[in-house]
Amino acid sequence: MSNVSPTNAVVSLDRYRLAVTRNRESARRAGAEDFSGSQLDAAIMREIHAQR
């Protein structure tokens, strides 16, 4: 992350946490107990990019 102000970094972290929570809940609802870390990471990145 280049040229990210502290405020933007905090906002990004909040969005990241929200995305993690949302995707974990979605995965649980879908019964995906084997939802791997890489799948979760990909879902989080999609969520973050969608919010930009």
PDB file of N, CA and C in Angstrom:
ATOM      1  N   MET A   1       0.859  -1.192   0.000  1.00  0.00           N
ATOM      2  CA  MET A   1       0.000   0.000   0.000  1.00  0.00           C
ATOM      3  C   MET A   1       0.892   1.237   0.000  1.00  0.00           C
ATOM      4  N   SER A   2       0.951   1.909  -1.098  1.00  0.00           N
ATOM      5  CA  SER A   2       1.770   3.110  -1.163  1.00  0.00           C
ATOM      6  C   SER A   2       0.904   4.347  -1.005  1.00  0.00           C
ATOM      7  N   ASN A   3       1.422   5.341  -0.331  1.00  0.00           N
ATOM      8  CA  ASN A   3       0.745   6.622  -0.151  1.00  0.00           C
ATOM      9  C   ASN A   3      -0.656   6.492   0.468  1.00  0.00           C
ATOM     10  N   VAL A   4      -0.760   5.667   1.494  1.00  0.00           N
ATOM     11  CA  VAL A   4      -2.036   5.535   2.197  1.00  0.00           C
ATOM     12  C   VAL A   4      -1.937   6.321   3.493  1.00  0.00           C
ATOM     13  N   SER A   5      -2.845   7.278   3.649  1.00  0.00           N
ATOM     14  CA  SER A   5      -2.835   8.065   4.887  1.00  0.00           C
ATOM     15  C   SER A   5      -3.319   7.184   6.038  1.00  0.00           C
ATOM     16  N   PRO A   6      -2.965   7.526   7.271  1.00  0.00           N
ATOM     17  CA  PRO A   6      -3.434   6.744   8.424  1.00  0.00           C
ATOM     18  C   PRO A   6      -4.960   6.610   8.444  1.00  0.00           C
ATOM     19  N   THR A   7      -5.658   7.679   8.102  1.00  0.00           N
ATOM     20  CA  THR A   7      -7.117   7.633   8.103  1.00  0.00           C
ATOM     21  C   THR A   7      -7.622   6.623   7.083  1.00  0.00           C
ATOM     22  N   ASN A   8      -7.061   6.650   5.880  1.00  0.00           N
ATOM     23  CA  ASN A   8      -7.474   5.698   4.849  1.00  0.00           C
ATOM     24  C   ASN A   8      -7.132   4.272   5.243  1.00  0.00           C
ATOM     25  N   ALA A   9      -6.007   4.100   5.913  1.00  0.00           N
ATOM     26  CA  ALA A   9      -5.608   2.762   6.352  1.00  0.00           C
ATOM     27  C   ALA A   9      -6.611   2.216   7.360  1.00  0.00           C
ATOM     28  N   VAL A  10      -7.076   3.069   8.276  1.00  0.00           N
ATOM     29  CA  VAL A  10      -8.062   2.648   9.272  1.00  0.00           C
ATOM     30  C   VAL A  10      -9.378   2.293   8.594  1.00  0.00           C
ATOM     31  N   VAL A  11      -9.816   3.119   7.651  1.00  0.00           N
ATOM     32  CA  VAL A  11     -11.052   2.839   6.919  1.00  0.00           C
ATOM     33  C   VAL A  11     -10.914   1.514   6.175  1.00  0.00           C
ATOM     34  N   SER A  12      -9.763   1.296   5.541  1.00  0.00           N
ATOM     35  CA  SER A  12      -9.533   0.054   4.814  1.00  0.00           C
ATOM     36  C   SER A  12      -9.558  -1.145   5.760  1.00  0.00           C
ATOM     37  N   LEU A  13      -8.975  -0.978   6.941  1.00  0.00           N
ATOM     38  CA  LEU A  13      -8.961  -2.061   7.921  1.00  0.00           C
ATOM     39  C   LEU A  13     -10.379  -2.367   8.392  1.00  0.00           C
ATOM     40  N   ASP A  14     -11.171  -1.336   8.620  1.00  0.00           N
ATOM     41  CA  ASP A  14     -12.568  -1.548   9.013  1.00  0.00           C
ATOM     42  C   ASP A  14     -13.323  -2.290   7.921  1.00  0.00           C
ATOM     43  N   ARG A  15     -13.100  -1.906   6.669  1.00  0.00           N
ATOM     44  CA  ARG A  15     -13.755  -2.585   5.541  1.00  0.00           C
ATOM     45  C   ARG A  15     -13.285  -4.024   5.456  1.00  0.00           C
ATOM     46  N   TYR A  16     -11.991  -4.230   5.701  1.00  0.00           N
ATOM     47  CA  TYR A  16     -11.418  -5.578   5.669  1.00  0.00           C
ATOM     48  C   TYR A  16     -12.094  -6.450   6.729  1.00  0.00           C
ATOM     49  N   ARG A  17     -12.208  -5.903   7.942  1.00  0.00           N
ATOM     50  CA  ARG A  17     -12.840  -6.666   9.025  1.00  0.00           C
ATOM     51  C   ARG A  17     -14.298  -6.967   8.703  1.00  0.00           C
ATOM     52  N   LEU A  18     -14.999  -5.985   8.149  1.00  0.00           N
ATOM     53  CA  LEU A  18     -16.394  -6.174   7.765  1.00  0.00           C
ATOM     54  C   LEU A  18     -16.495  -7.265   6.704  1.00  0.00           C
ATOM     55  N   ALA A  19     -15.607  -7.220   5.729  1.00  0.00           N
ATOM     56  CA  ALA A  19     -15.606  -8.222   4.661  1.00  0.00           C
ATOM     57  C   ALA A  19     -15.319  -9.616   5.214  1.00  0.00           C
ATOM     58  N   VAL A  20     -14.363  -9.702   6.137  1.00  0.00           N
ATOM     59  CA  VAL A  20     -14.031 -11.001   6.745  1.00  0.00           C
ATOM     60  C   VAL A  20     -15.254 -11.559   7.454  1.00  0.00           C
ATOM     61  N   THR A  21     -15.891 -10.729   8.265  1.00  0.00           N
ATOM     62  CA  THR A  21     -17.066 -11.166   9.016  1.00  0.00           C
ATOM     63  C   THR A  21     -18.183 -11.600   8.075  1.00  0.00           C
ATOM     64  N   ARG A  22     -18.454 -10.779   7.073  1.00  0.00           N
ATOM     65  CA  ARG A  22     -19.532 -11.064   6.128  1.00  0.00           C
ATOM     66  C   ARG A  22     -19.273 -12.366   5.373  1.00  0.00           C
ATOM     67  N   ASN A  23     -18.037 -12.548   4.928  1.00  0.00           N
ATOM     68  CA  ASN A  23     -17.717 -13.746   4.156  1.00  0.00           C
ATOM     69  C   ASN A  23     -17.701 -14.997   5.024  1.00  0.00           C
ATOM     70  N   ARG A  24     -17.287 -14.887   6.272  1.00  0.00           N
ATOM     71  CA  ARG A  24     -17.323 -16.049   7.170  1.00  0.00           C
ATOM     72  C   ARG A  24     -18.771 -16.456   7.422  1.00  0.00           C
ATOM     73  N   GLU A  25     -19.640 -15.465   7.637  1.00  0.00           N
ATOM     74  CA  GLU A  25     -21.053 -15.770   7.863  1.00  0.00           C
ATOM     75  C   GLU A  25     -21.665 -16.411   6.631  1.00  0.00           C
ATOM     76  N   SER A  26     -21.330 -15.877   5.445  1.00  0.00           N
ATOM     77  CA  SER A  26     -21.840 -16.439   4.191  1.00  0.00           C
ATOM     78  C   SER A  26     -21.372 -17.879   4.027  1.00  0.00           C
ATOM     79  N   ALA A  27     -20.111 -18.106   4.342  1.00  0.00           N
ATOM     80  CA  ALA A  27     -19.542 -19.445   4.197  1.00  0.00           C
ATOM     81  C   ALA A  27     -20.237 -20.420   5.155  1.00  0.00           C
ATOM     82  N   ARG A  28     -20.464 -19.970   6.387  1.00  0.00           N
ATOM     83  CA  ARG A  28     -21.140 -20.825   7.364  1.00  0.00           C
ATOM     84  C   ARG A  28     -22.558 -21.147   6.917  1.00  0.00           C
ATOM     85  N   ARG A  29     -23.270 -20.115   6.440  1.00  0.00           N
ATOM     86  CA  ARG A  29     -24.646 -20.330   5.981  1.00  0.00           C
ATOM     87  C   ARG A  29     -24.690 -21.311   4.824  1.00  0.00           C
ATOM     88  N   ALA A  30     -23.662 -21.254   3.976  1.00  0.00           N
ATOM     89  CA  ALA A  30     -23.605 -22.142   2.819  1.00  0.00           C
ATOM     90  C   ALA A  30     -23.113 -23.538   3.219  1.00  0.00           C
ATOM     91  N   GLY A  31     -22.738 -23.692   4.487  1.00  0.00           N
ATOM     92  CA  GLY A  31     -22.267 -24.981   4.974  1.00  0.00           C
ATOM     93  C   GLY A  31     -20.861 -25.302   4.507  1.00  0.00           C
ATOM     94  N   ALA A  32     -20.119 -24.282   4.161  1.00  0.00           N
ATOM     95  CA  ALA A  32     -18.766 -24.493   3.639  1.00  0.00           C
ATOM     96  C   ALA A  32     -17.766 -24.489   4.787  1.00  0.00           C
ATOM     97  N   GLU A  33     -17.754 -25.578   5.532  1.00  0.00           N
ATOM     98  CA  GLU A  33     -16.836 -25.659   6.670  1.00  0.00           C
ATOM     99  C   GLU A  33     -15.395 -25.810   6.206  1.00  0.00           C
ATOM    100  N   ASP A  34     -15.217 -26.215   4.942  1.00  0.00           N
ATOM    101  CA  ASP A  34     -13.873 -26.370   4.398  1.00  0.00           C
ATOM    102  C   ASP A  34     -13.458 -25.139   3.594  1.00  0.00           C
ATOM    103  N   PHE A  35     -14.110 -24.024   3.874  1.00  0.00           N
ATOM    104  CA  PHE A  35     -13.804 -22.757   3.193  1.00  0.00           C
ATOM    105  C   PHE A  35     -12.363 -22.401   3.521  1.00  0.00           C
ATOM    106  N   SER A  36     -11.483 -22.581   2.562  1.00  0.00           N
ATOM    107  CA  SER A  36     -10.054 -22.433   2.818  1.00  0.00           C
ATOM    108  C   SER A  36      -9.639 -20.970   2.954  1.00  0.00           C
ATOM    109  N   GLY A  37      -8.470 -20.769   3.533  1.00  0.00           N
ATOM    110  CA  GLY A  37      -7.948 -19.422   3.707  1.00  0.00           C
ATOM    111  C   GLY A  37      -7.793 -18.684   2.393  1.00  0.00           C
ATOM    112  N   SER A  38      -7.360 -19.389   1.356  1.00  0.00           N
ATOM    113  CA  SER A  38      -7.153 -18.724   0.069  1.00  0.00           C
ATOM    114  C   SER A  38      -8.488 -18.291  -0.541  1.00  0.00           C
ATOM    115  N   GLN A  39      -9.515 -19.109  -0.366  1.00  0.00           N
ATOM    116  CA  GLN A  39     -10.848 -18.724  -0.858  1.00  0.00           C
ATOM    117  C   GLN A  39     -11.351 -17.512  -0.084  1.00  0.00           C
ATOM    118  N   LEU A  40     -11.122 -17.526   1.228  1.00  0.00           N
ATOM    119  CA  LEU A  40     -11.549 -16.402   2.059  1.00  0.00           C
ATOM    120  C   LEU A  40     -10.807 -15.135   1.652  1.00  0.00           C
ATOM    121  N   ASP A  41      -9.498 -15.255   1.432  1.00  0.00           N
ATOM    122  CA  ASP A  41      -8.697 -14.104   1.004  1.00  0.00           C
ATOM    123  C   ASP A  41      -9.216 -13.545  -0.317  1.00  0.00           C
ATOM    124  N   ALA A  42      -9.531 -14.432  -1.252  1.00  0.00           N
ATOM    125  CA  ALA A  42     -10.029 -13.996  -2.555  1.00  0.00           C
ATOM    126  C   ALA A  42     -11.363 -13.270  -2.397  1.00  0.00           C
ATOM    127  N   ALA A  43     -12.226 -13.807  -1.548  1.00  0.00           N
ATOM    128  CA  ALA A  43     -13.528 -13.185  -1.310  1.00  0.00           C
ATOM    129  C   ALA A  43     -13.363 -11.816  -0.653  1.00  0.00           C
ATOM    130  N   ILE A  44     -12.414 -11.720   0.271  1.00  0.00           N
ATOM    131  CA  ILE A  44     -12.145 -10.447   0.949  1.00  0.00           C
ATOM    132  C   ILE A  44     -11.637  -9.415  -0.055  1.00  0.00           C
ATOM    133  N   MET A  45     -10.717  -9.820  -0.918  1.00  0.00           N
ATOM    134  CA  MET A  45     -10.178  -8.880  -1.898  1.00  0.00           C
ATOM    135  C   MET A  45     -11.265  -8.405  -2.859  1.00  0.00           C
ATOM    136  N   ARG A  46     -12.158  -9.315  -3.271  1.00  0.00           N
ATOM    137  CA  ARG A  46     -13.272  -8.914  -4.135  1.00  0.00           C
ATOM    138  C   ARG A  46     -14.141  -7.884  -3.414  1.00  0.00           C
ATOM    139  N   GLU A  47     -14.407  -8.113  -2.130  1.00  0.00           N
ATOM    140  CA  GLU A  47     -15.235  -7.199  -1.346  1.00  0.00           C
ATOM    141  C   GLU A  47     -14.572  -5.826  -1.241  1.00  0.00           C
ATOM    142  N   ILE A  48     -13.276  -5.811  -0.963  1.00  0.00           N
ATOM    143  CA  ILE A  48     -12.551  -4.544  -0.830  1.00  0.00           C
ATOM    144  C   ILE A  48     -12.555  -3.786  -2.158  1.00  0.00           C
ATOM    145  N   HIS A  49     -12.288  -4.488  -3.265  1.00  0.00           N
ATOM    146  CA  HIS A  49     -12.266  -3.821  -4.567  1.00  0.00           C
ATOM    147  C   HIS A  49     -13.653  -3.326  -4.961  1.00  0.00           C
ATOM    148  N   ALA A  50     -14.680  -4.045  -4.548  1.00  0.00           N
ATOM    149  CA  ALA A  50     -16.053  -3.647  -4.878  1.00  0.00           C
ATOM    150  C   ALA A  50     -16.434  -2.345  -4.166  1.00  0.00           C
ATOM    151  N   GLN A  51     -15.789  -2.065  -3.037  1.00  0.00           N
ATOM    152  CA  GLN A  51     -16.126  -0.877  -2.252  1.00  0.00           C
ATOM    153  C   GLN A  51     -15.353   0.352  -2.707  1.00  0.00           C
ATOM    154  N   ARG A  52     -14.400   0.172  -3.637  1.00  0.00           N
ATOM    155  CA  ARG A  52     -13.594   1.312  -4.088  1.00  0.00           C
ATOM    156  C   ARG A  52     -14.310   2.087  -5.154  1.00  0.00           C
TER     157      ARG A  52
END
